[in-house]
Protein backbone atom coordinates (compact mmCIF):
# COMPACT_ATOMS: atom_id res chain seq x y z
CA UNK A 1 11.78 -12.15 -7.21
CA UNK A 2 9.40 -9.91 -9.30
CA UNK A 3 9.82 -6.25 -9.27
CA UNK A 4 7.43 -4.09 -8.16
CA UNK A 5 5.83 -1.29 -10.41
CA UNK A 6 3.31 1.03 -10.16
CA UNK A 7 0.24 0.86 -12.52
CA UNK A 8 -2.73 2.98 -13.49
CA UNK A 9 -2.66 7.03 -13.55
CA UNK A 10 -2.19 8.97 -10.03
CA UNK A 11 -3.54 9.52 -7.81
CA UNK A 12 -7.56 8.21 -7.47
CA UNK A 13 -6.26 4.99 -9.54
CA UNK A 14 -2.75 3.22 -8.83
CA UNK A 15 -2.01 -0.53 -8.24
CA UNK A 16 1.10 -2.62 -7.16
CA UNK A 17 2.41 -5.45 -9.07
CA UNK A 18 4.79 -7.60 -8.29
CA UNK A 19 6.84 -8.17 -4.95
CA UNK A 20 6.90 -5.48 -1.93
CA UNK A 21 10.32 -6.65 -0.12
CA UNK A 22 13.36 -5.17 0.60
CA UNK A 23 15.05 -5.58 -2.70
CA UNK A 24 11.82 -4.15 -4.19
CA UNK A 25 10.82 -1.07 -2.05
CA UNK A 26 13.65 1.76 -2.44
CA UNK A 27 12.43 1.84 -6.02
CA UNK A 28 8.65 2.96 -4.95
CA UNK A 29 9.62 5.16 -2.06
CA UNK A 30 9.19 8.15 -4.31
CA UNK A 31 7.24 7.70 -6.93
CA UNK A 32 3.52 7.80 -4.76
CA UNK A 33 2.08 11.55 -5.79
CA UNK A 34 1.86 13.43 -2.75
CA UNK A 35 -1.09 15.78 -2.84
CA UNK A 36 -4.66 16.55 -0.74
CA UNK A 37 -7.52 13.88 -1.13
CA UNK A 38 -8.19 10.23 -1.69
CA UNK A 39 -4.99 8.05 -2.99
CA UNK A 40 -6.43 4.50 -4.08
CA UNK A 41 -4.32 1.86 -4.16
CA UNK A 42 -4.89 -1.29 -5.05
CA UNK A 43 -2.65 -3.77 -4.18
CA UNK A 44 -4.24 -7.10 -5.97
CA UNK A 45 -1.05 -7.64 -7.95
CA UNK A 46 1.21 -8.11 -5.01
CA UNK A 47 2.77 -11.33 -4.97
CA UNK A 48 4.98 -11.11 -1.69
CA UNK A 49 5.33 -8.66 1.02
CA UNK A 50 7.62 -8.11 3.92
CA UNK A 51 8.12 -5.57 6.27
CA UNK A 52 9.75 -3.37 3.98
CA UNK A 53 6.82 -3.09 1.99
CA UNK A 54 4.69 -2.73 4.77
CA UNK A 55 6.62 0.43 5.98
CA UNK A 56 6.35 2.02 2.67
CA UNK A 57 2.72 1.67 3.02
CA UNK A 58 2.88 3.24 6.16
CA UNK A 59 5.53 5.81 5.10
CA UNK A 60 3.25 6.93 2.10
CA UNK A 61 0.05 7.31 4.46
CA UNK A 62 2.52 9.68 7.21
CA UNK A 63 3.30 11.50 4.17
CA UNK A 64 -0.32 12.18 2.55
CA UNK A 65 -1.61 12.91 6.02
CA UNK A 66 1.07 15.72 6.27
CA UNK A 67 -0.29 16.94 2.83
CA UNK A 68 -4.09 16.62 4.17
CA UNK A 69 -4.39 13.08 1.67
CA UNK A 70 -5.78 10.19 2.30
CA UNK A 71 -4.00 6.62 1.50
CA UNK A 72 -7.35 4.13 0.87
CA UNK A 73 -5.92 0.31 0.22
CA UNK A 74 -7.89 -2.21 -1.71
CA UNK A 75 -7.31 -5.79 -2.53
CA UNK A 76 -5.28 -6.34 0.10
CA UNK A 77 -3.42 -9.87 0.31
CA UNK A 78 -3.61 -12.07 3.78
CA UNK A 79 0.30 -11.88 4.07
CA UNK A 80 0.05 -8.22 4.05
CA UNK A 81 -2.75 -7.87 6.73
CA UNK A 82 -1.22 -9.80 9.33
CA UNK A 83 1.82 -8.44 8.91
CA UNK A 84 -0.18 -5.32 9.92
CA UNK A 85 -1.97 -6.80 12.15
CA UNK A 86 1.31 -8.46 14.08
CA UNK A 87 3.48 -4.69 13.59
CA UNK A 88 0.18 -3.04 15.45
CA UNK A 89 -0.12 -0.49 12.21
CA UNK A 90 -3.87 -2.38 11.03
CA UNK A 91 -5.31 0.47 11.87
CA UNK A 92 -3.08 3.24 10.79
CA UNK A 93 -3.83 1.96 7.60
CA UNK A 94 -7.17 1.75 7.60
CA UNK A 95 -7.60 -2.33 7.61
CA UNK A 96 -10.51 -3.69 8.93
CA UNK A 97 -11.34 -7.26 10.35
CA UNK A 98 -12.61 -7.74 6.87
CA UNK A 99 -10.22 -6.24 4.56
CA UNK A 100 -8.39 -9.23 2.90
CA UNK A 101 -8.81 -9.50 -0.65
CA UNK A 102 -11.21 -5.94 -0.88
CA UNK A 103 -11.61 -4.85 -4.38
CA UNK A 104 -13.30 -1.51 -2.54
CA UNK A 105 -16.12 -2.69 -4.97
């Protein structure tokens, strides 16, 4: 297990490195700065993800939406994209059919 950590500068250029799992998500729950505007989060450094990691991203999206903000995820790992599709939250998170590994550039 690799503990997840937030990297970069908030809110426009954040990254997550490590595992987004039930063991690591509680430490990240309150770390996203919530404010209006687009919050870009690069997931290229995510090594492992489970339903808790997906739930974290959905919660961040909910918090940002409530404050007129938006979560933009880039570098989405294929496993996360599959999990989001199975859970029917892929469109909620703004994933498109070609998003896996997309760096947004």
